[in-house]
PDB file of N, CA and C in Angstrom:
ATOM      1  N   UNK A   1    -100.988  33.128  13.756  1.00  0.00           N
ATOM      2  CA  UNK A   1    -101.988  32.103  13.479  1.00  0.00           C
ATOM      3  C   UNK A   1    -103.392  32.675  13.567  1.00  0.00           C
ATOM      4  N   UNK A   2    -104.232  32.243  12.689  1.00  0.00           N
ATOM      5  CA  UNK A   2    -105.598  32.747  12.674  1.00  0.00           C
ATOM      6  C   UNK A   2    -106.463  32.027  13.703  1.00  0.00           C
ATOM      7  N   UNK A   3    -106.247  30.714  13.882  1.00  0.00           N
ATOM      8  CA  UNK A   3    -107.050  29.947  14.829  1.00  0.00           C
ATOM      9  C   UNK A   3    -106.581  30.188  16.254  1.00  0.00           C
ATOM     10  N   UNK A   4    -107.538  30.446  17.134  1.00  0.00           N
ATOM     11  CA  UNK A   4    -107.242  30.624  18.542  1.00  0.00           C
ATOM     12  C   UNK A   4    -107.823  29.428  19.289  1.00  0.00           C
ATOM     13  N   UNK A   5    -107.213  29.019  20.389  1.00  0.00           N
ATOM     14  CA  UNK A   5    -107.636  27.820  21.105  1.00  0.00           C
ATOM     15  C   UNK A   5    -109.106  27.800  21.531  1.00  0.00           C
ATOM     16  N   UNK A   6    -109.680  28.962  21.918  1.00  0.00           N
ATOM     17  CA  UNK A   6    -111.050  28.970  22.407  1.00  0.00           C
ATOM     18  C   UNK A   6    -112.074  28.672  21.328  1.00  0.00           C
ATOM     19  N   UNK A   7    -111.754  28.878  20.072  1.00  0.00           N
ATOM     20  CA  UNK A   7    -112.723  28.688  18.998  1.00  0.00           C
ATOM     21  C   UNK A   7    -113.288  27.271  18.951  1.00  0.00           C
ATOM     22  N   UNK A   8    -112.470  26.279  19.195  1.00  0.00           N
ATOM     23  CA  UNK A   8    -112.898  24.898  19.048  1.00  0.00           C
ATOM     24  C   UNK A   8    -114.042  24.513  19.975  1.00  0.00           C
ATOM     25  N   UNK A   9    -114.149  25.143  21.140  1.00  0.00           N
ATOM     26  CA  UNK A   9    -115.250  24.803  22.025  1.00  0.00           C
ATOM     27  C   UNK A   9    -116.543  25.514  21.634  1.00  0.00           C
ATOM     28  N   UNK A  10    -116.488  26.427  20.700  1.00  0.00           N
ATOM     29  CA  UNK A  10    -117.668  27.179  20.276  1.00  0.00           C
ATOM     30  C   UNK A  10    -118.075  26.784  18.851  1.00  0.00           C
ATOM     31  N   UNK A  11    -118.408  25.518  18.688  1.00  0.00           N
ATOM     32  CA  UNK A  11    -118.843  24.994  17.391  1.00  0.00           C
ATOM     33  C   UNK A  11    -120.225  24.378  17.562  1.00  0.00           C
ATOM     34  N   UNK A  12    -121.114  24.658  16.619  1.00  0.00           N
ATOM     35  CA  UNK A  12    -122.415  24.006  16.582  1.00  0.00           C
ATOM     36  C   UNK A  12    -123.402  24.433  17.645  1.00  0.00           C
ATOM     37  N   UNK A  13    -123.294  25.660  18.107  1.00  0.00           N
ATOM     38  CA  UNK A  13    -124.266  26.143  19.092  1.00  0.00           C
ATOM     39  C   UNK A  13    -125.649  26.253  18.430  1.00  0.00           C
ATOM     40  N   UNK A  14    -126.722  25.998  19.198  1.00  0.00           N
ATOM     41  CA  UNK A  14    -128.070  25.994  18.607  1.00  0.00           C
ATOM     42  C   UNK A  14    -128.493  27.335  18.021  1.00  0.00           C
ATOM     43  N   UNK A  15    -127.876  28.421  18.461  1.00  0.00           N
ATOM     44  CA  UNK A  15    -128.266  29.751  17.984  1.00  0.00           C
ATOM     45  C   UNK A  15    -127.487  30.164  16.733  1.00  0.00           C
ATOM     46  N   UNK A  16    -126.639  29.282  16.215  1.00  0.00           N
ATOM     47  CA  UNK A  16    -125.783  29.643  15.085  1.00  0.00           C
ATOM     48  C   UNK A  16    -126.604  30.102  13.889  1.00  0.00           C
ATOM     49  N   UNK A  17    -126.261  31.266  13.383  1.00  0.00           N
ATOM     50  CA  UNK A  17    -126.831  31.792  12.137  1.00  0.00           C
ATOM     51  C   UNK A  17    -125.660  32.313  11.334  1.00  0.00           C
ATOM     52  N   UNK A  18    -125.400  31.704  10.194  1.00  0.00           N
ATOM     53  CA  UNK A  18    -124.232  32.068   9.412  1.00  0.00           C
ATOM     54  C   UNK A  18    -124.278  33.525   8.974  1.00  0.00           C
ATOM     55  N   UNK A  19    -123.126  34.177   9.044  1.00  0.00           N
ATOM     56  CA  UNK A  19    -122.993  35.560   8.605  1.00  0.00           C
ATOM     57  C   UNK A  19    -122.859  35.566   7.081  1.00  0.00           C
ATOM     58  N   UNK A  20    -123.906  35.959   6.401  1.00  0.00           N
ATOM     59  CA  UNK A  20    -123.941  35.917   4.938  1.00  0.00           C
ATOM     60  C   UNK A  20    -122.939  36.863   4.286  1.00  0.00           C
ATOM     61  N   UNK A  21    -122.328  37.748   5.058  1.00  0.00           N
ATOM     62  CA  UNK A  21    -121.300  38.636   4.514  1.00  0.00           C
ATOM     63  C   UNK A  21    -119.995  37.872   4.260  1.00  0.00           C
ATOM     64  N   UNK A  22    -119.894  36.665   4.790  1.00  0.00           N
ATOM     65  CA  UNK A  22    -118.702  35.837   4.594  1.00  0.00           C
ATOM     66  C   UNK A  22    -118.899  34.896   3.412  1.00  0.00           C
ATOM     67  N   UNK A  23    -117.801  34.325   2.930  1.00  0.00           N
ATOM     68  CA  UNK A  23    -117.879  33.344   1.846  1.00  0.00           C
ATOM     69  C   UNK A  23    -118.617  32.095   2.333  1.00  0.00           C
ATOM     70  N   UNK A  24    -119.482  31.526   1.523  1.00  0.00           N
ATOM     71  CA  UNK A  24    -120.261  30.337   1.931  1.00  0.00           C
ATOM     72  C   UNK A  24    -119.392  29.171   2.419  1.00  0.00           C
ATOM     73  N   UNK A  25    -118.170  29.061   1.898  1.00  0.00           N
ATOM     74  CA  UNK A  25    -117.277  27.970   2.310  1.00  0.00           C
ATOM     75  C   UNK A  25    -116.925  28.052   3.795  1.00  0.00           C
ATOM     76  N   UNK A  26    -117.079  29.204   4.398  1.00  0.00           N
ATOM     77  CA  UNK A  26    -116.726  29.393   5.806  1.00  0.00           C
ATOM     78  C   UNK A  26    -117.841  28.957   6.750  1.00  0.00           C
ATOM     79  N   UNK A  27    -118.945  28.485   6.202  1.00  0.00           N
ATOM     80  CA  UNK A  27    -120.075  28.066   7.020  1.00  0.00           C
ATOM     81  C   UNK A  27    -119.795  26.701   7.653  1.00  0.00           C
ATOM     82  N   UNK A  28    -119.037  26.711   8.750  1.00  0.00           N
ATOM     83  CA  UNK A  28    -118.657  25.479   9.442  1.00  0.00           C
ATOM     84  C   UNK A  28    -119.259  25.430  10.847  1.00  0.00           C
ATOM     85  N   UNK A  29    -120.249  26.233  11.111  1.00  0.00           N
ATOM     86  CA  UNK A  29    -120.964  26.371  12.388  1.00  0.00           C
ATOM     87  C   UNK A  29    -120.084  26.841  13.543  1.00  0.00           C
ATOM     88  N   UNK A  30    -118.928  27.421  13.241  1.00  0.00           N
ATOM     89  CA  UNK A  30    -118.119  28.024  14.304  1.00  0.00           C
ATOM     90  C   UNK A  30    -118.735  29.366  14.678  1.00  0.00           C
ATOM     91  N   UNK A  31    -118.754  29.640  15.957  1.00  0.00           N
ATOM     92  CA  UNK A  31    -119.339  30.897  16.427  1.00  0.00           C
ATOM     93  C   UNK A  31    -118.695  32.114  15.769  1.00  0.00           C
ATOM     94  N   UNK A  32    -117.406  32.002  15.476  1.00  0.00           N
ATOM     95  CA  UNK A  32    -116.701  33.136  14.869  1.00  0.00           C
ATOM     96  C   UNK A  32    -117.275  33.507  13.496  1.00  0.00           C
ATOM     97  N   UNK A  33    -118.028  32.596  12.887  1.00  0.00           N
ATOM     98  CA  UNK A  33    -118.643  32.853  11.590  1.00  0.00           C
ATOM     99  C   UNK A  33    -120.144  33.132  11.702  1.00  0.00           C
ATOM    100  N   UNK A  34    -120.620  33.269  12.919  1.00  0.00           N
ATOM    101  CA  UNK A  34    -122.039  33.528  13.152  1.00  0.00           C
ATOM    102  C   UNK A  34    -122.308  35.025  13.052  1.00  0.00           C
ATOM    103  N   UNK A  35    -123.461  35.384  12.538  1.00  0.00           N
ATOM    104  CA  UNK A  35    -123.790  36.801  12.427  1.00  0.00           C
ATOM    105  C   UNK A  35    -123.978  37.449  13.794  1.00  0.00           C
ATOM    106  N   UNK A  36    -124.168  36.646  14.833  1.00  0.00           N
ATOM    107  CA  UNK A  36    -124.361  37.167  16.194  1.00  0.00           C
ATOM    108  C   UNK A  36    -123.060  37.240  16.980  1.00  0.00           C
ATOM    109  N   UNK A  37    -121.965  36.770  16.417  1.00  0.00           N
ATOM    110  CA  UNK A  37    -120.690  36.663  17.136  1.00  0.00           C
ATOM    111  C   UNK A  37    -120.269  37.993  17.759  1.00  0.00           C
ATOM    112  N   UNK A  38    -120.086  37.980  19.070  1.00  0.00           N
ATOM    113  CA  UNK A  38    -119.664  39.144  19.858  1.00  0.00           C
ATOM    114  C   UNK A  38    -120.588  40.350  19.707  1.00  0.00           C
ATOM    115  N   UNK A  39    -121.874  40.072  19.550  1.00  0.00           N
ATOM    116  CA  UNK A  39    -122.877  41.134  19.535  1.00  0.00           C
ATOM    117  C   UNK A  39    -123.809  40.908  20.727  1.00  0.00           C
ATOM    118  N   UNK A  40    -124.639  41.879  21.030  1.00  0.00           N
ATOM    119  CA  UNK A  40    -125.585  41.703  22.136  1.00  0.00           C
ATOM    120  C   UNK A  40    -126.675  40.696  21.777  1.00  0.00           C
ATOM    121  N   UNK A  41    -126.786  40.300  20.508  1.00  0.00           N
ATOM    122  CA  UNK A  41    -127.736  39.265  20.103  1.00  0.00           C
ATOM    123  C   UNK A  41    -127.268  37.866  20.510  1.00  0.00           C
ATOM    124  N   UNK A  42    -125.989  37.724  20.822  1.00  0.00           N
ATOM    125  CA  UNK A  42    -125.423  36.424  21.163  1.00  0.00           C
ATOM    126  C   UNK A  42    -125.771  36.073  22.605  1.00  0.00           C
ATOM    127  N   UNK A  43    -126.525  35.000  22.799  1.00  0.00           N
ATOM    128  CA  UNK A  43    -126.919  34.619  24.154  1.00  0.00           C
ATOM    129  C   UNK A  43    -125.770  33.992  24.942  1.00  0.00           C
ATOM    130  N   UNK A  44    -124.653  33.720  24.286  1.00  0.00           N
ATOM    131  CA  UNK A  44    -123.479  33.143  24.943  1.00  0.00           C
ATOM    132  C   UNK A  44    -122.342  34.155  25.074  1.00  0.00           C
ATOM    133  N   UNK A  45    -122.645  35.413  24.908  1.00  0.00           N
ATOM    134  CA  UNK A  45    -121.636  36.464  24.943  1.00  0.00           C
ATOM    135  C   UNK A  45    -120.815  36.429  26.233  1.00  0.00           C
ATOM    136  N   UNK A  46    -121.457  36.173  27.348  1.00  0.00           N
ATOM    137  CA  UNK A  46    -120.734  36.133  28.612  1.00  0.00           C
ATOM    138  C   UNK A  46    -119.652  35.050  28.619  1.00  0.00           C
ATOM    139  N   UNK A  47    -119.881  33.945  27.920  1.00  0.00           N
ATOM    140  CA  UNK A  47    -118.869  32.893  27.837  1.00  0.00           C
ATOM    141  C   UNK A  47    -117.651  33.358  27.040  1.00  0.00           C
ATOM    142  N   UNK A  48    -117.880  34.115  25.980  1.00  0.00           N
ATOM    143  CA  UNK A  48    -116.758  34.659  25.205  1.00  0.00           C
ATOM    144  C   UNK A  48    -115.961  35.642  26.053  1.00  0.00           C
ATOM    145  N   UNK A  49    -116.657  36.481  26.789  1.00  0.00           N
ATOM    146  CA  UNK A  49    -115.989  37.479  27.614  1.00  0.00           C
ATOM    147  C   UNK A  49    -115.224  36.832  28.764  1.00  0.00           C
ATOM    148  N   UNK A  50    -115.782  35.783  29.370  1.00  0.00           N
ATOM    149  CA  UNK A  50    -115.082  35.050  30.420  1.00  0.00           C
ATOM    150  C   UNK A  50    -113.802  34.427  29.883  1.00  0.00           C
ATOM    151  N   UNK A  51    -113.860  33.901  28.672  1.00  0.00           N
ATOM    152  CA  UNK A  51    -112.720  33.237  28.068  1.00  0.00           C
ATOM    153  C   UNK A  51    -111.575  34.211  27.817  1.00  0.00           C
ATOM    154  N   UNK A  52    -111.924  35.477  27.591  1.00  0.00           N
ATOM    155  CA  UNK A  52    -110.914  36.513  27.355  1.00  0.00           C
ATOM    156  C   UNK A  52    -110.094  36.762  28.612  1.00  0.00           C
ATOM    157  N   UNK A  53    -110.713  36.623  29.751  1.00  0.00           N
ATOM    158  CA  UNK A  53    -110.019  36.728  31.030  1.00  0.00           C
ATOM    159  C   UNK A  53    -109.684  38.144  31.441  1.00  0.00           C
ATOM    160  N   UNK A  54    -109.275  38.274  32.689  1.00  0.00           N
ATOM    161  CA  UNK A  54    -108.854  39.561  33.240  1.00  0.00           C
ATOM    162  C   UNK A  54    -107.400  39.450  33.630  1.00  0.00           C
ATOM    163  N   UNK A  55    -106.543  39.483  32.637  1.00  0.00           N
ATOM    164  CA  UNK A  55    -105.106  39.347  32.879  1.00  0.00           C
ATOM    165  C   UNK A  55    -104.493  40.726  33.037  1.00  0.00           C
ATOM    166  N   UNK A  56    -104.603  41.310  34.201  1.00  0.00           N
ATOM    167  CA  UNK A  56    -104.114  42.645  34.265  1.00  0.00           C
ATOM    168  C   UNK A  56    -103.639  43.044  35.560  1.00  0.00           C
TER     169      UNK A  56
END
């Protein structure tokens, strides 16, 4: 499956900037489609990393 459970809580963040490298139809304000997603430009990066967890 392409959709992961954590994605749904990361919709419509105020810092969302669509990644223009993607098809315009994908512009649904999900963080996964943001140009800042999982980069140091993302001010919510720590939340993504926390969600990944330390299962080890």
